[in-house]
Every structure is written in C-alpha cells, then in structure tokens.
C-alpha cells in the first residue's frame, strides 16, 4: 500500500516536470517554482524517512 501525501505529490510533480520539460510545465511553471523553493527541506526529510525505512526493513 503506497500512501501519497503532499510531500510525495510535490516530488512526483517535480520529477514529471524534469522529465517532460517546458511544453508541459509552461502553464504551471509558477506553481512548480513556488513548490521547488519550498521543497528542498521537504525532500531531505522525505529522503531521511526513506533511508530510515529501508534501514529498518533491511535489519528485520
């Protein structure tokens, strides 16, 4: 079961933006830039959570 919270949605939207480039993101670019400005700390938190989860599952 995968839970998509706001952090995951932001990370996925940035991944989509990076993959599909300008033609897709022109209408939503200001929104994505706003998210991008506030996402770096969120992304590091998410990454720490992923690392902690992977460590805890590895040592089970």
Protein backbone atom coordinates (compact mmCIF):
# COMPACT_ATOMS: atom_id res chain seq x y z
CA UNK A 1 0.00 0.00 0.00
CA UNK A 2 1.54 3.27 -1.13
CA UNK A 3 0.41 6.45 0.57
CA UNK A 4 0.74 9.67 -1.40
CA UNK A 5 0.94 12.65 0.91
CA UNK A 6 1.66 16.26 -0.08
CA UNK A 7 5.43 15.65 0.01
CA UNK A 8 5.20 12.72 -2.38
CA UNK A 9 2.92 14.67 -4.74
CA UNK A 10 5.40 17.57 -4.82
CA UNK A 11 8.32 15.23 -5.51
CA UNK A 12 6.38 13.43 -8.25
CA UNK A 13 5.32 16.72 -9.85
CA UNK A 14 8.96 17.87 -9.90
CA UNK A 15 10.01 14.54 -11.44
CA UNK A 16 7.33 14.91 -14.12
CA UNK A 17 8.44 18.50 -14.74
CA UNK A 18 12.07 17.42 -15.12
CA UNK A 19 11.12 14.55 -17.43
CA UNK A 20 8.70 16.33 -19.74
CA UNK A 21 10.26 19.78 -19.78
CA UNK A 22 8.89 23.12 -20.93
CA UNK A 23 5.99 22.16 -23.20
CA UNK A 24 4.12 20.55 -20.29
CA UNK A 25 5.13 22.88 -17.48
CA UNK A 26 4.65 26.32 -19.06
CA UNK A 27 1.10 26.82 -17.66
CA UNK A 28 2.06 25.51 -14.20
CA UNK A 29 5.64 26.78 -14.04
CA UNK A 30 5.00 29.48 -11.39
CA UNK A 31 3.35 26.87 -9.16
CA UNK A 32 6.21 24.44 -9.66
CA UNK A 33 8.81 27.13 -8.99
CA UNK A 34 6.95 28.03 -5.80
CA UNK A 35 6.96 24.36 -4.78
CA UNK A 36 10.60 23.96 -5.80
CA UNK A 37 11.55 26.83 -3.49
CA UNK A 38 9.88 25.12 -0.54
CA UNK A 39 10.59 21.52 -1.46
CA UNK A 40 14.28 21.11 -0.74
CA UNK A 41 13.87 20.76 3.05
CA UNK A 42 10.80 18.59 2.44
CA UNK A 43 12.76 16.42 0.04
CA UNK A 44 15.61 15.95 2.52
CA UNK A 45 13.04 15.00 5.19
CA UNK A 46 11.44 12.55 2.77
CA UNK A 47 14.84 11.14 1.83
CA UNK A 48 15.74 10.67 5.50
CA UNK A 49 12.43 8.91 6.02
CA UNK A 50 13.09 6.62 3.02
CA UNK A 51 16.61 5.87 4.28
CA UNK A 52 15.33 5.11 7.79
CA UNK A 53 12.55 2.90 6.40
CA UNK A 54 14.96 1.00 4.15
CA UNK A 55 17.40 0.50 7.02
CA UNK A 56 14.67 -0.73 9.34
CA UNK A 57 13.35 -3.16 6.72
CA UNK A 58 16.88 -4.40 5.90
CA UNK A 59 17.61 -5.31 9.51
CA UNK A 60 14.29 -7.07 10.17
